[in-house]
Amino acid sequence: MLSRAAASLSILLLLPAAAACTDGQTVTTSDAARLVAASGPRVVVAASSETEQPSLGCGGGGDPLLGPSVLFVSENSGATYERIEPADTRALVRIGVKAGVFYSIAQGDGASSFSVLSSTDGRTWTELVSRTGVPHDFSLSGAGFAVAHSGGVLSSTDGSAWTDRATGSNLYAPSVAQVGETLVLASPEEGTLLVANGTGWDRRSIPKMQSIWELIPAAGGLLVTGVATLDGETTSAIARVDLATDSVPTYLPGYVVRPVITPLGLLDTSGNLAAIDGSEVGSFAPFMPSFESATVDGNSVQVLRNGTISVSADGGRTFGAPIALPIESFEHAAR
């Protein structure tokens, strides 16, 4: 089975600038909105201005080229948005909120470095720290910040002093979570958790899990998504793990990608919803159309879908009509 992380990996091919077939071709540059975060009435949507890549040799399309950062900011709970081209042109690949302040990860040129940024208004961003490596996951909690990157975890309790915890190997698409004050790391290449201790990492095997995709803190426990062998069959699954004890995890078959915990339960980007009782997850059922990203601020749930934002004021039970972002798009000659 192809893992979720492997299936979502995209490779950008740089074509020769003088490819004869591109002469006279028209391409489209447009805003691609991917991430949303909210704090009170302020909502920030992270996007990038992407240009369609002409294919080599005529015919067929190519992967889009990741372009400069674009932000859409609302000051009235998502009723209207302002389009902003920030001074820092690096596209944001993760975004979140902690104590009313927005935090993000900006990917460096060539995907070989990254920075953690902060902003009080979603418009102007300040670099807190930068590192060499490829970032894959970002965790914000009461305990602090953690970035899972190819070499380990970059963490901080206050956003000022940062600690880089190496794992001693190059990690493929790692995920990170903070359960209380404990840092937990995992990679799709293994069905094992790495739990931070005072000097390094302790390995904790998750029975039946073959590959781990995401780590989701829930009610003091940890939800682990990935591929497991249940009843003799290999299937996508969610394991509920109690880090404080050696109790056997409980398992639920189900495929999830970037889910978010809402007042109603665990909402997946596929649009499926599962109730949560403590840290126990119920069965998933269709709830709403699929979406790219969602954010929860108290009883407010905002969903980003196809360049629009849908807002719920009752914990995700009902949503208002989609609000279109002021996306810009134009055609021009290929270069």
Protein backbone atom coordinates (compact mmCIF):
# COMPACT_ATOMS: atom_id res chain seq x y z
CA MET A 1 0.00 0.00 0.00
CA LEU A 2 1.32 3.44 -0.91
CA SER A 3 1.57 5.60 2.21
CA ARG A 4 -0.28 8.89 2.46
CA ALA A 5 3.00 10.77 2.69
CA ALA A 6 4.43 9.05 -0.38
CA ALA A 7 1.23 9.53 -2.35
CA SER A 8 1.20 13.27 -1.66
CA LEU A 9 4.85 13.85 -2.58
CA SER A 10 5.20 16.08 -5.64
CA ILE A 11 8.40 16.56 -7.65
CA LEU A 12 8.90 19.80 -9.55
CA LEU A 13 10.84 19.40 -12.81
CA LEU A 14 12.79 22.44 -14.02
CA LEU A 15 12.46 22.60 -17.80
CA PRO A 16 15.00 24.19 -20.13
CA ALA A 17 14.29 27.89 -20.52
CA ALA A 18 14.74 27.66 -24.27
CA ALA A 19 12.32 24.75 -24.84
CA ALA A 20 11.08 25.56 -28.33
CA CYS A 21 7.56 24.37 -27.69
CA THR A 22 6.94 27.03 -25.04
CA ASP A 23 7.43 29.86 -27.54
CA GLY A 24 4.16 31.74 -27.84
CA GLN A 25 2.39 29.57 -25.29
CA THR A 26 0.06 31.19 -22.78
CA VAL A 27 0.23 30.16 -19.14
CA THR A 28 -1.85 31.15 -16.12
CA THR A 29 -0.64 32.58 -12.81
CA SER A 30 -3.15 32.43 -9.97
CA ASP A 31 -3.40 32.38 -6.18
CA ALA A 32 -3.54 28.90 -4.62
CA ALA A 33 -4.95 29.04 -1.07
CA ARG A 34 -3.96 26.10 1.15
CA LEU A 35 -3.97 26.95 4.87
CA VAL A 36 -6.23 28.81 7.28
CA ALA A 37 -5.84 29.93 10.90
CA ALA A 38 -8.06 32.09 13.11
CA SER A 39 -7.86 33.98 16.39
CA GLY A 40 -10.98 35.86 17.46
CA PRO A 41 -12.25 38.01 14.57
CA ARG A 42 -8.91 37.79 12.71
CA VAL A 43 -8.58 35.05 10.08
CA VAL A 44 -5.42 34.45 8.03
CA VAL A 45 -5.31 32.34 4.86
CA ALA A 46 -1.89 31.39 3.51
CA ALA A 47 -1.49 30.97 -0.25
CA SER A 48 1.09 31.29 -3.00
CA SER A 49 1.00 32.77 -6.48
CA GLU A 50 1.56 29.80 -8.77
CA THR A 51 2.33 29.64 -12.46
CA GLU A 52 1.23 26.77 -14.65
CA GLN A 53 4.30 25.00 -16.01
CA PRO A 54 4.26 24.29 -19.75
CA SER A 55 5.18 20.73 -20.60
CA LEU A 56 8.31 19.82 -22.53
CA GLY A 57 7.56 18.91 -26.15
CA CYS A 58 4.01 20.34 -26.41
CA GLY A 59 0.80 18.93 -25.02
CA GLY A 60 0.05 17.78 -21.49
CA GLY A 61 0.42 19.84 -18.35
CA GLY A 62 3.11 20.07 -15.73
CA ASP A 63 3.17 20.51 -11.96
CA PRO A 64 2.67 24.13 -10.87
CA LEU A 65 5.75 26.09 -9.84
CA LEU A 66 5.57 27.27 -6.25
CA GLY A 67 5.57 31.04 -6.34
CA PRO A 68 5.70 34.02 -3.96
CA SER A 69 3.68 34.14 -0.75
CA VAL A 70 0.17 35.60 -0.79
CA LEU A 71 -1.97 36.21 2.31
CA PHE A 72 -5.68 36.86 2.75
CA VAL A 73 -6.53 38.55 6.05
CA SER A 74 -9.96 39.18 7.59
CA GLU A 75 -10.67 41.36 10.62
CA ASN A 76 -14.39 40.52 10.82
CA SER A 77 -14.48 36.75 11.39
CA GLY A 78 -14.18 35.95 7.71
CA ALA A 79 -16.94 38.17 6.34
CA THR A 80 -14.48 40.03 4.04
CA TYR A 81 -10.79 39.57 3.16
CA GLU A 82 -7.89 41.77 2.08
CA ARG A 83 -5.31 40.32 -0.31
CA ILE A 84 -1.71 41.00 0.78
CA GLU A 85 1.65 40.37 -0.89
CA PRO A 86 4.04 40.26 2.09
CA ALA A 87 7.58 41.63 1.98
CA ASP A 88 8.89 38.14 2.77
CA THR A 89 8.09 36.29 -0.45
CA ARG A 90 8.73 32.78 0.91
CA ALA A 91 5.59 30.66 0.77
CA LEU A 92 4.17 29.48 4.10
CA VAL A 93 3.88 25.68 4.37
CA ARG A 94 2.35 25.53 7.90
CA ILE A 95 0.37 28.03 9.95
CA GLY A 96 -1.18 28.08 13.42
CA VAL A 97 -2.16 30.22 16.41
CA LYS A 98 -0.92 30.26 19.99
CA ALA A 99 -2.16 32.74 22.61
CA GLY A 100 -3.58 35.04 19.93
CA VAL A 101 -0.32 35.20 17.93
CA PHE A 102 0.03 33.62 14.48
CA TYR A 103 3.02 31.37 13.77
CA SER A 104 4.11 29.82 10.50
CA ILE A 105 6.86 27.93 8.74
CA ALA A 106 8.36 29.54 5.65
CA GLN A 107 10.10 27.20 3.22
CA GLY A 108 13.50 28.44 2.05
CA ASP A 109 14.73 28.44 -1.53
CA GLY A 110 15.34 24.98 -2.91
CA ALA A 111 13.44 23.32 -0.04
CA SER A 112 16.71 22.96 1.88
CA SER A 113 16.05 25.41 4.70
CA PHE A 114 13.15 26.82 6.69
CA SER A 115 12.26 29.54 9.19
CA VAL A 116 9.69 29.90 11.95
CA LEU A 117 7.85 33.24 11.72
CA SER A 118 5.44 35.07 14.01
CA SER A 119 2.84 37.78 13.43
CA THR A 120 0.35 39.59 15.63
CA ASP A 121 -1.78 40.79 12.71
CA GLY A 122 -1.21 38.22 9.92
CA ARG A 123 0.25 40.93 7.69
CA THR A 124 3.77 41.60 8.97
CA TRP A 125 5.90 38.60 9.95
CA THR A 126 9.06 38.36 12.07
CA GLU A 127 11.59 35.56 11.76
CA LEU A 128 12.17 33.77 15.08
CA VAL A 129 14.64 31.10 13.99
CA SER A 130 15.97 29.46 10.82
CA ARG A 131 17.55 26.09 10.15
CA THR A 132 18.88 23.92 7.33
CA GLY A 133 16.63 20.99 6.54
CA VAL A 134 13.23 20.11 5.13
CA PRO A 135 10.28 20.87 7.47
CA HIS A 136 7.34 18.47 7.53
CA ASP A 137 5.14 19.15 10.58
CA PHE A 138 4.44 21.95 13.05
CA SER A 139 3.01 21.58 16.56
CA LEU A 140 1.79 24.42 18.80
CA SER A 141 0.55 23.74 22.32
CA GLY A 142 0.61 25.18 25.82
CA ALA A 143 4.05 23.59 26.23
CA GLY A 144 5.54 25.46 23.28
CA PHE A 145 6.51 24.94 19.64
CA ALA A 146 7.93 21.99 17.74
CA VAL A 147 8.96 21.60 14.10
CA ALA A 148 9.61 18.12 12.73
CA HIS A 149 12.25 18.28 10.02
CA SER A 150 14.39 15.81 8.13
CA GLY A 151 17.06 15.75 10.85
CA GLY A 152 14.94 15.76 14.00
CA VAL A 153 12.86 18.27 15.97
CA LEU A 154 13.40 21.99 16.51
CA SER A 155 11.55 23.03 19.67
CA SER A 156 11.05 25.98 22.01
CA THR A 157 9.01 26.72 25.11
CA ASP A 158 8.84 30.48 24.53
CA GLY A 159 9.67 31.13 20.85
CA SER A 160 12.99 32.75 21.80
CA ALA A 161 15.35 29.96 22.83
CA TRP A 162 15.34 26.94 20.51
CA THR A 163 16.69 23.41 20.88
CA ASP A 164 17.47 21.17 17.91
CA ARG A 165 17.08 17.49 18.84
CA ALA A 166 18.77 15.32 16.23
CA THR A 167 17.76 11.71 15.65
CA GLY A 168 21.00 10.62 14.04
CA SER A 169 19.36 9.74 10.73
CA ASN A 170 17.59 11.44 7.84
CA LEU A 171 13.83 11.18 8.44
CA TYR A 172 11.25 10.91 5.68
CA ALA A 173 8.15 13.11 6.23
CA PRO A 174 8.21 13.00 10.07
CA SER A 175 5.28 14.03 12.26
CA VAL A 176 5.55 15.63 15.70
CA ALA A 177 3.20 16.10 18.66
CA GLN A 178 3.41 17.56 22.14
CA VAL A 179 1.55 15.48 24.73
CA GLY A 180 1.75 17.59 27.85
CA GLU A 181 5.43 18.50 27.95
CA THR A 182 6.53 15.35 26.12
CA LEU A 183 7.76 15.54 22.53
CA VAL A 184 6.82 12.61 20.29
CA LEU A 185 8.18 12.00 16.78
CA ALA A 186 7.32 9.41 14.12
CA SER A 187 7.99 8.66 10.45
CA PRO A 188 6.01 6.78 7.77
CA GLU A 189 9.01 4.48 7.40
CA GLU A 190 8.34 2.80 10.76
CA GLY A 191 5.55 1.84 13.13
CA THR A 192 7.55 3.16 16.08
CA LEU A 193 7.33 6.32 18.17
CA LEU A 194 10.37 8.31 19.24
CA VAL A 195 9.71 9.84 22.67
CA ALA A 196 12.08 12.58 23.81
CA ASN A 197 13.94 12.13 27.08
CA GLY A 198 16.50 14.36 28.76
CA THR A 199 19.35 13.39 26.45
CA GLY A 200 17.85 11.81 23.36
CA TRP A 201 15.00 9.59 22.25
CA ASP A 202 13.32 6.45 23.58
CA ARG A 203 11.75 4.07 21.05
CA ARG A 204 8.23 2.86 21.71
CA SER A 205 6.81 0.21 19.42
CA ILE A 206 3.11 0.43 18.56
CA PRO A 207 1.86 -3.15 18.10
CA LYS A 208 0.19 -3.81 14.75
CA MET A 209 1.30 -0.46 13.28
CA GLN A 210 3.59 -0.75 10.26
CA SER A 211 3.75 2.90 9.22
CA ILE A 212 2.86 6.12 11.04
CA TRP A 213 1.55 9.14 9.15
CA GLU A 214 0.34 11.64 11.74
CA LEU A 215 0.32 12.26 15.50
CA ILE A 216 -2.71 13.98 17.04
CA PRO A 217 -2.85 14.87 20.77
CA ALA A 218 -6.31 14.23 22.23
CA ALA A 219 -7.45 14.52 25.86
CA GLY A 220 -4.01 13.77 27.30
CA GLY A 221 -3.52 10.80 24.99
CA LEU A 222 -2.20 10.42 21.48
CA LEU A 223 -3.96 9.39 18.27
CA VAL A 224 -1.59 7.71 15.82
CA THR A 225 -2.68 7.35 12.19
CA GLY A 226 -1.12 5.13 9.57
CA VAL A 227 -1.10 1.56 8.30
CA ALA A 228 -1.76 -1.38 10.62
CA THR A 229 -2.35 -5.11 10.44
CA LEU A 230 -5.79 -5.77 11.95
CA ASP A 231 -7.38 -9.22 11.90
CA GLY A 232 -4.71 -10.41 9.48
CA GLU A 233 -5.34 -7.64 6.95
CA THR A 234 -3.28 -4.55 6.18
CA THR A 235 -5.43 -1.44 6.42
CA SER A 236 -5.36 2.28 7.22
CA ALA A 237 -6.05 2.74 10.91
CA ILE A 238 -6.00 5.02 13.95
CA ALA A 239 -4.41 3.81 17.19
CA ARG A 240 -5.16 5.39 20.55
CA VAL A 241 -1.94 5.37 22.61
CA ASP A 242 -1.56 6.15 26.33
CA LEU A 243 2.02 7.36 26.75
CA ALA A 244 1.78 7.26 30.55
CA THR A 245 1.18 3.50 30.70
CA ASP A 246 2.10 0.33 28.84
CA SER A 247 -1.54 -0.41 28.06
CA VAL A 248 -2.33 -2.03 24.70
CA PRO A 249 -3.50 0.56 22.14
CA THR A 250 -7.02 0.46 20.80
CA TYR A 251 -7.51 0.58 17.03
CA LEU A 252 -10.07 1.93 14.60
CA PRO A 253 -9.93 1.27 10.84
CA GLY A 254 -9.99 4.55 8.90
CA TYR A 255 -8.03 6.74 6.52
CA VAL A 256 -7.38 10.32 7.64
CA VAL A 257 -5.27 13.16 6.23
CA ARG A 258 -4.61 16.34 8.24
CA PRO A 259 -7.67 15.99 10.49
CA VAL A 260 -8.66 18.66 13.00
CA ILE A 261 -10.34 18.23 16.38
CA THR A 262 -13.57 20.25 16.50
CA PRO A 263 -16.22 20.52 19.24
CA LEU A 264 -18.14 17.79 17.35
CA GLY A 265 -15.21 15.39 17.02
CA LEU A 266 -12.38 14.51 14.65
CA LEU A 267 -13.03 16.10 11.24
CA ASP A 268 -10.93 14.82 8.35
CA THR A 269 -10.13 16.72 5.17
CA SER A 270 -12.15 14.07 3.32
CA GLY A 271 -15.23 15.51 5.06
CA ASN A 272 -15.72 12.49 7.33
CA LEU A 273 -16.40 13.04 11.04
CA ALA A 274 -15.89 10.78 14.05
CA ALA A 275 -17.10 11.53 17.57
CA ILE A 276 -14.47 11.65 20.34
CA ASP A 277 -15.21 10.52 23.91
CA GLY A 278 -12.15 11.51 25.89
CA SER A 279 -9.45 10.19 23.58
CA GLU A 280 -11.54 7.32 22.21
CA VAL A 281 -12.56 7.80 18.59
CA GLY A 282 -15.85 6.55 17.16
CA SER A 283 -16.54 5.41 13.62
CA PHE A 284 -16.15 7.89 10.77
CA ALA A 285 -19.22 8.91 8.77
CA PRO A 286 -19.70 11.35 5.86
CA PHE A 287 -20.40 14.83 7.22
CA MET A 288 -19.47 17.52 4.67
CA PRO A 289 -17.67 17.94 1.31
CA SER A 290 -13.89 17.51 1.34
CA PHE A 291 -11.71 20.56 2.01
CA GLU A 292 -8.06 21.65 2.04
CA SER A 293 -7.66 23.03 5.56
CA ALA A 294 -9.66 23.92 8.69
CA THR A 295 -9.09 25.89 11.87
CA VAL A 296 -10.87 25.88 15.24
CA ASP A 297 -11.02 28.80 17.67
CA GLY A 298 -13.34 27.97 20.55
CA ASN A 299 -16.75 27.31 19.04
CA SER A 300 -15.81 28.83 15.69
CA VAL A 301 -14.82 26.47 12.86
CA GLN A 302 -13.53 27.81 9.54
CA VAL A 303 -13.09 25.55 6.51
CA LEU A 304 -11.04 26.40 3.41
CA ARG A 305 -12.36 24.81 0.21
CA ASN A 306 -11.57 25.71 -3.41
CA GLY A 307 -10.68 29.33 -2.71
CA THR A 308 -13.62 29.94 -0.37
CA ILE A 309 -14.10 30.00 3.41
CA SER A 310 -17.13 28.48 5.15
CA VAL A 311 -17.72 29.61 8.74
CA SER A 312 -19.52 27.84 11.57
CA ALA A 313 -20.35 29.61 14.84
CA ASP A 314 -21.82 26.53 16.55
CA GLY A 315 -18.84 24.19 16.72
CA GLY A 316 -19.16 22.89 13.18
CA ARG A 317 -22.81 21.80 13.30
CA THR A 318 -23.90 24.26 10.61
CA PHE A 319 -21.96 26.44 8.17
CA GLY A 320 -22.83 29.68 6.43
CA ALA A 321 -22.61 30.22 2.69
CA PRO A 322 -19.05 30.02 1.29
CA ILE A 323 -17.20 33.35 1.17
CA ALA A 324 -14.95 33.75 -1.88
CA LEU A 325 -11.40 34.95 -1.29
CA PRO A 326 -10.25 37.86 -3.52
CA ILE A 327 -8.04 35.55 -5.58
CA GLU A 328 -6.12 37.04 -8.50
CA SER A 329 -5.50 35.15 -11.73
CA PHE A 330 -4.12 36.26 -15.09
CA GLU A 331 -2.76 34.83 -18.35
CA HIS A 332 0.61 35.72 -19.83
CA ALA A 333 3.20 34.45 -22.28
CA ALA A 334 5.43 31.61 -21.14
CA ARG A 335 9.01 32.49 -20.33
